Amino acid sequence: MTLTKAEILLGTQARKNVFIDALDGEVEIRPLTDGELHQIQLKFVRAVSMK
């Protein structure tokens, strides 16, 4: 899957439906906001530091 210039310019408003075999259905995906990405990174750092 590649991004077009138009999709990049849409930022977090860009949405795409992707078929997932394991679910036997479609899921709408979208880019993460900066805040969402930051929360994921914090959880990752905490998980890694617990090892």
N, C-alpha and C. Protein backbone atom coordinates (compact mmCIF):
# COMPACT_ATOMS: atom_id res chain seq x y z
N MET A 1 0.85 -1.16 0.00
CA MET A 1 0.00 0.00 0.00
C MET A 1 0.90 1.24 0.00
N THR A 2 0.67 2.13 -0.91
CA THR A 2 1.45 3.37 -0.99
C THR A 2 0.55 4.56 -0.74
N LEU A 3 1.15 5.63 -0.28
CA LEU A 3 0.42 6.87 -0.05
C LEU A 3 0.60 7.80 -1.24
N THR A 4 -0.47 8.47 -1.58
CA THR A 4 -0.38 9.49 -2.62
C THR A 4 -0.12 10.84 -1.95
N LYS A 5 0.28 11.81 -2.75
CA LYS A 5 0.51 13.16 -2.23
C LYS A 5 -0.77 13.71 -1.61
N ALA A 6 -1.90 13.46 -2.27
CA ALA A 6 -3.18 13.95 -1.76
C ALA A 6 -3.50 13.34 -0.39
N GLU A 7 -3.19 12.05 -0.21
CA GLU A 7 -3.44 11.40 1.08
C GLU A 7 -2.54 11.98 2.17
N ILE A 8 -1.30 12.25 1.82
CA ILE A 8 -0.37 12.83 2.79
C ILE A 8 -0.85 14.22 3.21
N LEU A 9 -1.33 15.00 2.25
CA LEU A 9 -1.81 16.34 2.56
C LEU A 9 -3.07 16.33 3.42
N LEU A 10 -3.84 15.24 3.35
CA LEU A 10 -5.03 15.13 4.19
C LEU A 10 -4.67 14.91 5.66
N GLY A 11 -3.46 14.45 5.92
CA GLY A 11 -3.03 14.22 7.31
C GLY A 11 -3.90 13.20 8.01
N THR A 12 -4.31 13.53 9.23
CA THR A 12 -5.10 12.59 10.02
C THR A 12 -6.53 12.44 9.51
N GLN A 13 -6.91 13.24 8.54
CA GLN A 13 -8.25 13.12 7.96
C GLN A 13 -8.32 12.02 6.91
N ALA A 14 -7.16 11.53 6.47
CA ALA A 14 -7.11 10.47 5.45
C ALA A 14 -7.61 9.17 6.06
N ARG A 15 -8.51 8.52 5.39
CA ARG A 15 -9.07 7.26 5.86
C ARG A 15 -9.06 6.28 4.69
N LYS A 16 -8.84 4.99 5.01
CA LYS A 16 -8.83 3.98 3.96
C LYS A 16 -9.41 2.68 4.53
N ASN A 17 -10.25 2.02 3.76
CA ASN A 17 -10.78 0.72 4.16
C ASN A 17 -9.86 -0.37 3.65
N VAL A 18 -9.49 -1.29 4.56
CA VAL A 18 -8.58 -2.38 4.23
C VAL A 18 -9.26 -3.69 4.62
N PHE A 19 -9.26 -4.66 3.70
CA PHE A 19 -9.85 -5.96 3.99
C PHE A 19 -8.86 -6.78 4.81
N ILE A 20 -9.33 -7.34 5.93
CA ILE A 20 -8.51 -8.18 6.81
C ILE A 20 -9.06 -9.60 6.73
N ASP A 21 -8.25 -10.52 6.19
CA ASP A 21 -8.69 -11.91 6.02
C ASP A 21 -9.13 -12.54 7.34
N ALA A 22 -8.34 -12.34 8.39
CA ALA A 22 -8.62 -12.97 9.68
C ALA A 22 -9.97 -12.52 10.25
N LEU A 23 -10.39 -11.32 9.91
CA LEU A 23 -11.67 -10.80 10.38
C LEU A 23 -12.79 -11.05 9.38
N ASP A 24 -12.40 -11.45 8.17
CA ASP A 24 -13.35 -11.64 7.08
C ASP A 24 -14.19 -10.38 6.88
N GLY A 25 -13.51 -9.24 6.93
CA GLY A 25 -14.21 -7.98 6.76
C GLY A 25 -13.24 -6.83 6.60
N GLU A 26 -13.80 -5.65 6.44
CA GLU A 26 -13.00 -4.45 6.26
C GLU A 26 -12.86 -3.67 7.56
N VAL A 27 -11.73 -3.00 7.68
CA VAL A 27 -11.45 -2.13 8.82
C VAL A 27 -11.00 -0.79 8.26
N GLU A 28 -11.53 0.28 8.81
CA GLU A 28 -11.10 1.62 8.40
C GLU A 28 -9.82 1.97 9.15
N ILE A 29 -8.79 2.34 8.41
CA ILE A 29 -7.53 2.74 9.04
C ILE A 29 -7.31 4.23 8.77
N ARG A 30 -6.53 4.83 9.66
CA ARG A 30 -6.21 6.26 9.53
C ARG A 30 -4.87 6.51 10.19
N PRO A 31 -4.22 7.60 9.84
CA PRO A 31 -2.96 7.95 10.49
C PRO A 31 -3.21 8.31 11.96
N LEU A 32 -2.22 8.10 12.79
CA LEU A 32 -2.30 8.49 14.19
C LEU A 32 -2.01 9.98 14.32
N THR A 33 -2.66 10.59 15.30
CA THR A 33 -2.31 11.97 15.62
C THR A 33 -1.00 11.96 16.40
N ASP A 34 -0.38 13.11 16.55
CA ASP A 34 0.86 13.20 17.33
C ASP A 34 0.63 12.71 18.76
N GLY A 35 -0.50 13.08 19.33
CA GLY A 35 -0.81 12.67 20.70
C GLY A 35 -0.97 11.16 20.83
N GLU A 36 -1.66 10.54 19.87
CA GLU A 36 -1.84 9.08 19.89
C GLU A 36 -0.50 8.36 19.75
N LEU A 37 0.34 8.84 18.85
CA LEU A 37 1.66 8.24 18.65
C LEU A 37 2.50 8.38 19.92
N HIS A 38 2.42 9.53 20.55
CA HIS A 38 3.17 9.76 21.79
C HIS A 38 2.74 8.78 22.88
N GLN A 39 1.43 8.55 23.02
CA GLN A 39 0.93 7.61 24.02
C GLN A 39 1.44 6.19 23.76
N ILE A 40 1.47 5.78 22.51
CA ILE A 40 1.98 4.46 22.15
C ILE A 40 3.46 4.36 22.48
N GLN A 41 4.21 5.40 22.16
CA GLN A 41 5.65 5.40 22.45
C GLN A 41 5.91 5.32 23.96
N LEU A 42 5.12 6.01 24.76
CA LEU A 42 5.27 5.94 26.21
C LEU A 42 5.03 4.52 26.72
N LYS A 43 3.98 3.88 26.21
CA LYS A 43 3.68 2.50 26.62
C LYS A 43 4.81 1.56 26.22
N PHE A 44 5.37 1.77 25.04
CA PHE A 44 6.48 0.93 24.58
C PHE A 44 7.70 1.10 25.49
N VAL A 45 8.03 2.34 25.80
CA VAL A 45 9.20 2.61 26.65
C VAL A 45 9.00 1.98 28.03
N ARG A 46 7.80 2.10 28.58
CA ARG A 46 7.52 1.49 29.89
C ARG A 46 7.65 -0.03 29.82
N ALA A 47 7.14 -0.63 28.76
CA ALA A 47 7.20 -2.09 28.62
C ALA A 47 8.63 -2.57 28.47
N VAL A 48 9.43 -1.85 27.72
CA VAL A 48 10.83 -2.25 27.51
C VAL A 48 11.63 -2.07 28.79
N SER A 49 11.37 -1.03 29.54
CA SER A 49 12.13 -0.77 30.77
C SER A 49 11.77 -1.75 31.88
N MET A 50 10.65 -2.47 31.76
CA MET A 50 10.23 -3.44 32.77
C MET A 50 10.98 -4.76 32.63
N LYS A 51 11.64 -4.97 31.50
CA LYS A 51 12.33 -6.25 31.27
C LYS A 51 13.59 -6.36 32.08
